[in-house]
């Protein structure tokens, strides 16, 4: 799962990124209005943590831009501005949650999980599809109650595919999801193929039908 931290306090952004990385999130940061808009225009995120007071612009304008583009990224406003008016304004425009500074990192993590779960999986911690079950909290994957061992990247891919079932996903989009904004630095996307190959093998060996298919010249689809 990929998170964008829009926060101009360098130490706070670093602390958040370190904590969320330990929770197996892939984190990127933007420290001002301009860099935040650039990342939003270029990439998609499972959740965006948005400070309202930024150098060069207002965080509310970033939220408006996200909604203008009809992006499905979850948005949690994190701000020292704790007035009722700010909270109501942000939620009216389309933020999914609001967390006032200072906050406990464990609470932030719970809020992020809740937003992603609500947006992608109908507010459930358990993703079920026929014989396949994923517990997103314990990160346990099983096929017909038989647990299978997936790496972090393989699990991330599996959840991403199921969350985008019946959609063709390009290799570049998968590379971006797995590696964030550094994906542009790779000469090719062979590492994506390697992770997908291993994921397909493990699912097949566990008796799972072939839901994940290649779309020639385009990418992959989780077909239901």
Protein backbone atom coordinates (compact mmCIF):
# COMPACT_ATOMS: atom_id res chain seq x y z
CA UNK A 1 0.00 0.00 0.00
CA UNK A 2 1.36 3.40 -1.02
CA UNK A 3 1.12 6.54 1.12
CA UNK A 4 1.89 10.17 0.24
CA UNK A 5 2.85 12.35 3.21
CA UNK A 6 2.28 16.04 2.44
CA UNK A 7 3.92 17.77 5.39
CA UNK A 8 6.37 20.67 5.61
CA UNK A 9 7.73 19.75 9.07
CA UNK A 10 10.71 17.61 8.01
CA UNK A 11 11.15 15.76 11.30
CA UNK A 12 7.46 14.95 11.61
CA UNK A 13 7.31 13.71 8.00
CA UNK A 14 10.40 11.56 8.63
CA UNK A 15 8.94 10.09 11.84
CA UNK A 16 5.63 9.28 10.13
CA UNK A 17 7.41 7.67 7.17
CA UNK A 18 9.63 5.54 9.42
CA UNK A 19 6.68 4.32 11.47
CA UNK A 20 4.46 3.56 8.47
CA UNK A 21 7.35 1.85 6.66
CA UNK A 22 7.66 -0.47 9.67
CA UNK A 23 3.96 -1.22 9.13
CA UNK A 24 4.77 -2.30 5.54
CA UNK A 25 3.51 0.86 3.80
CA UNK A 26 5.50 2.39 0.93
CA UNK A 27 5.92 6.06 1.79
CA UNK A 28 6.65 9.14 -0.32
CA UNK A 29 6.84 12.74 0.86
CA UNK A 30 6.13 16.24 -0.43
CA UNK A 31 7.19 19.25 1.66
CA UNK A 32 5.46 22.09 -0.19
CA UNK A 33 2.43 22.90 -2.33
CA UNK A 34 4.22 22.65 -5.69
CA UNK A 35 5.86 19.26 -5.11
CA UNK A 36 2.58 17.90 -3.70
CA UNK A 37 0.64 18.93 -6.82
CA UNK A 38 3.35 17.39 -9.05
CA UNK A 39 3.14 14.03 -7.27
CA UNK A 40 -0.66 14.01 -7.33
CA UNK A 41 -0.64 14.73 -11.07
CA UNK A 42 1.88 11.97 -11.77
CA UNK A 43 0.99 9.18 -9.35
CA UNK A 44 -1.86 7.47 -7.50
CA UNK A 45 -1.85 6.57 -3.81
CA UNK A 46 -3.87 4.36 -1.49
CA UNK A 47 -3.93 7.17 1.05
CA UNK A 48 -2.70 10.79 1.20
CA UNK A 49 -1.85 12.46 4.51
CA UNK A 50 -2.49 16.15 3.92
CA UNK A 51 -1.32 19.08 6.06
CA UNK A 52 -3.41 22.21 5.53
CA UNK A 53 -0.64 24.79 6.05
CA UNK A 54 2.08 24.43 3.41
CA UNK A 55 4.76 26.64 1.89
CA UNK A 56 3.47 27.99 -1.42
CA UNK A 57 -0.21 27.22 -1.00
CA UNK A 58 -3.16 25.92 0.99
CA UNK A 59 -3.70 22.19 1.55
CA UNK A 60 -7.42 22.68 0.88
CA UNK A 61 -6.54 23.62 -2.71
CA UNK A 62 -4.66 20.31 -3.04
CA UNK A 63 -7.76 18.48 -1.83
CA UNK A 64 -9.87 20.35 -4.39
CA UNK A 65 -7.43 19.33 -7.15
CA UNK A 66 -7.63 15.66 -6.09
CA UNK A 67 -11.42 15.79 -6.33
CA UNK A 68 -11.34 17.76 -9.57
CA UNK A 69 -9.33 14.95 -11.16
CA UNK A 70 -11.79 12.35 -9.79
CA UNK A 71 -8.91 10.50 -8.16
CA UNK A 72 -9.86 7.69 -5.78
CA UNK A 73 -6.95 8.21 -3.36
CA UNK A 74 -8.05 8.25 0.28
CA UNK A 75 -7.28 11.56 2.04
CA UNK A 76 -6.68 12.15 5.74
CA UNK A 77 -6.14 15.77 6.76
CA UNK A 78 -3.46 16.08 9.47
CA UNK A 79 -3.15 19.60 10.74
CA UNK A 80 -2.51 21.74 13.81
CA UNK A 81 -5.49 23.82 12.71
CA UNK A 82 -8.07 22.18 14.92
CA UNK A 83 -11.05 24.47 14.37
CA UNK A 84 -14.46 22.98 13.63
CA UNK A 85 -14.67 25.09 10.47
CA UNK A 86 -11.47 23.60 8.99
CA UNK A 87 -12.64 20.07 9.75
CA UNK A 88 -16.11 20.59 8.26
CA UNK A 89 -14.69 22.33 5.18
CA UNK A 90 -12.21 19.53 4.49
CA UNK A 91 -14.79 16.78 4.95
CA UNK A 92 -17.32 18.63 2.76
CA UNK A 93 -14.82 18.91 -0.07
CA UNK A 94 -14.14 15.18 0.13
CA UNK A 95 -11.51 14.29 2.74
CA UNK A 96 -12.09 10.86 4.27
CA UNK A 97 -10.91 11.73 7.78
CA UNK A 98 -9.34 14.48 9.90
CA UNK A 99 -6.66 14.03 12.57
CA UNK A 100 -5.42 16.97 14.64
CA UNK A 101 -1.78 17.34 15.67
CA UNK A 102 -0.31 16.10 17.90
CA UNK A 103 -1.46 12.51 17.43
CA UNK A 104 -0.26 9.01 18.30
CA UNK A 105 1.26 7.17 15.35
CA UNK A 106 -0.73 4.04 16.20
CA UNK A 107 -3.95 6.06 15.83
CA UNK A 108 -2.77 7.41 12.47
CA UNK A 109 -2.05 3.87 11.30
CA UNK A 110 -5.52 2.74 12.38
CA UNK A 111 -7.12 5.67 10.53
CA UNK A 112 -5.16 4.86 7.35
CA UNK A 113 -6.16 1.20 7.52
CA UNK A 114 -9.79 2.19 8.02
CA UNK A 115 -9.80 4.57 5.04
CA UNK A 116 -8.20 2.03 2.69
CA UNK A 117 -10.50 -0.75 3.92
CA UNK A 118 -13.59 1.43 3.48
CA UNK A 119 -12.64 2.60 -0.01
CA UNK A 120 -11.47 -0.69 -1.48
CA UNK A 121 -13.06 -3.53 0.45
CA UNK A 122 -16.47 -2.47 1.81
CA UNK A 123 -15.16 -1.74 5.30
CA UNK A 124 -13.98 -5.31 5.90
CA UNK A 125 -10.65 -6.58 7.19
CA UNK A 126 -11.28 -9.89 5.42
CA UNK A 127 -11.11 -10.09 1.63
CA UNK A 128 -12.86 -13.21 0.36
CA UNK A 129 -13.10 -14.44 -3.19
CA UNK A 130 -14.33 -17.98 -3.65
CA UNK A 131 -11.60 -20.22 -2.18
CA UNK A 132 -9.19 -17.33 -1.55
CA UNK A 133 -9.16 -15.42 1.75
CA UNK A 134 -6.92 -12.52 2.83
CA UNK A 135 -6.84 -11.12 6.36
CA UNK A 136 -5.50 -7.60 5.83
CA UNK A 137 -4.74 -7.09 9.52
CA UNK A 138 -2.79 -10.28 10.20
CA UNK A 139 -1.58 -10.43 6.56
CA UNK A 140 -2.53 -14.10 6.32
CA UNK A 141 -3.49 -15.51 2.91
CA UNK A 142 -5.19 -18.88 2.56
CA UNK A 143 -6.68 -21.02 -0.19
CA UNK A 144 -9.43 -23.35 1.05
CA UNK A 145 -8.18 -22.72 4.62
CA UNK A 146 -4.62 -23.73 3.69
CA UNK A 147 -2.26 -20.86 4.53
CA UNK A 148 0.26 -19.82 1.88
CA UNK A 149 3.45 -17.86 2.40
CA UNK A 150 3.68 -14.64 0.40
CA UNK A 151 6.38 -11.98 0.53
CA UNK A 152 5.38 -8.39 1.33
CA UNK A 153 5.55 -7.45 -2.38
CA UNK A 154 3.52 -10.50 -3.43
CA UNK A 155 0.83 -9.75 -0.84
CA UNK A 156 0.77 -6.10 -1.88
CA UNK A 157 0.31 -7.14 -5.52
CA UNK A 158 -2.45 -9.61 -4.65
CA UNK A 159 -4.46 -7.01 -2.69
CA UNK A 160 -3.87 -4.44 -5.45
CA UNK A 161 -5.12 -6.80 -8.15
CA UNK A 162 -8.23 -7.82 -6.21
CA UNK A 163 -8.96 -4.17 -5.40
CA UNK A 164 -8.83 -3.50 -9.15
CA UNK A 165 -10.44 -6.72 -10.37
CA UNK A 166 -11.46 -6.94 -14.04
CA UNK A 167 -9.31 -3.91 -14.88
CA UNK A 168 -6.23 -4.09 -17.09
CA UNK A 169 -3.26 -2.76 -15.10
CA UNK A 170 -0.14 -1.76 -17.00
CA UNK A 171 3.35 -2.89 -16.01
CA UNK A 172 4.32 0.72 -15.40
CA UNK A 173 1.38 1.18 -13.00
CA UNK A 174 2.41 -1.98 -11.16
CA UNK A 175 6.01 -0.78 -10.99
CA UNK A 176 4.85 2.53 -9.57
CA UNK A 177 2.66 0.77 -7.01
CA UNK A 178 5.54 -1.43 -5.83
CA UNK A 179 8.34 1.14 -5.94
CA UNK A 180 6.74 4.57 -5.83
CA UNK A 181 8.27 7.51 -7.64
CA UNK A 182 11.63 5.73 -8.04
CA UNK A 183 9.98 3.37 -10.55
CA UNK A 184 10.84 5.89 -13.29
CA UNK A 185 14.53 5.19 -12.66
CA UNK A 186 14.33 1.55 -13.76
CA UNK A 187 15.33 0.68 -17.32
CA UNK A 188 12.68 -2.03 -17.47
CA UNK A 189 9.99 -3.64 -15.38
CA UNK A 190 11.46 -7.14 -15.13
CA UNK A 191 11.17 -7.01 -11.35
CA UNK A 192 7.38 -6.70 -11.72
CA UNK A 193 7.29 -9.84 -13.86
CA UNK A 194 9.39 -11.71 -11.29
CA UNK A 195 7.03 -10.86 -8.43
CA UNK A 196 3.95 -11.75 -10.52
CA UNK A 197 5.50 -15.04 -11.65
CA UNK A 198 6.17 -16.04 -8.04
CA UNK A 199 2.69 -14.96 -6.93
CA UNK A 200 1.00 -16.98 -9.68
CA UNK A 201 3.13 -20.05 -8.87
CA UNK A 202 2.31 -19.96 -5.16
CA UNK A 203 -1.43 -19.50 -5.80
CA UNK A 204 -1.46 -22.32 -8.35
CA UNK A 205 0.45 -24.69 -6.05
CA UNK A 206 -2.12 -24.01 -3.34
CA UNK A 207 -4.94 -24.98 -5.71
CA UNK A 208 -6.18 -21.48 -6.55
CA UNK A 209 -7.67 -21.04 -10.06
CA UNK A 210 -5.86 -18.77 -12.52
CA UNK A 211 -7.57 -15.43 -11.91
CA UNK A 212 -4.44 -13.46 -12.79
CA UNK A 213 -3.96 -13.31 -16.55
CA UNK A 214 -1.56 -11.52 -18.89
CA UNK A 215 -2.97 -9.05 -21.41
CA UNK A 216 -0.58 -9.11 -24.34
CA UNK A 217 1.36 -5.89 -24.84
CA UNK A 218 -0.54 -4.12 -22.07
CA UNK A 219 -0.22 -5.62 -18.59
CA UNK A 220 -2.25 -7.88 -16.32
CA UNK A 221 -5.83 -8.42 -15.21
CA UNK A 222 -7.37 -10.13 -12.17
CA UNK A 223 -10.34 -11.62 -13.98
CA UNK A 224 -13.53 -12.62 -12.16
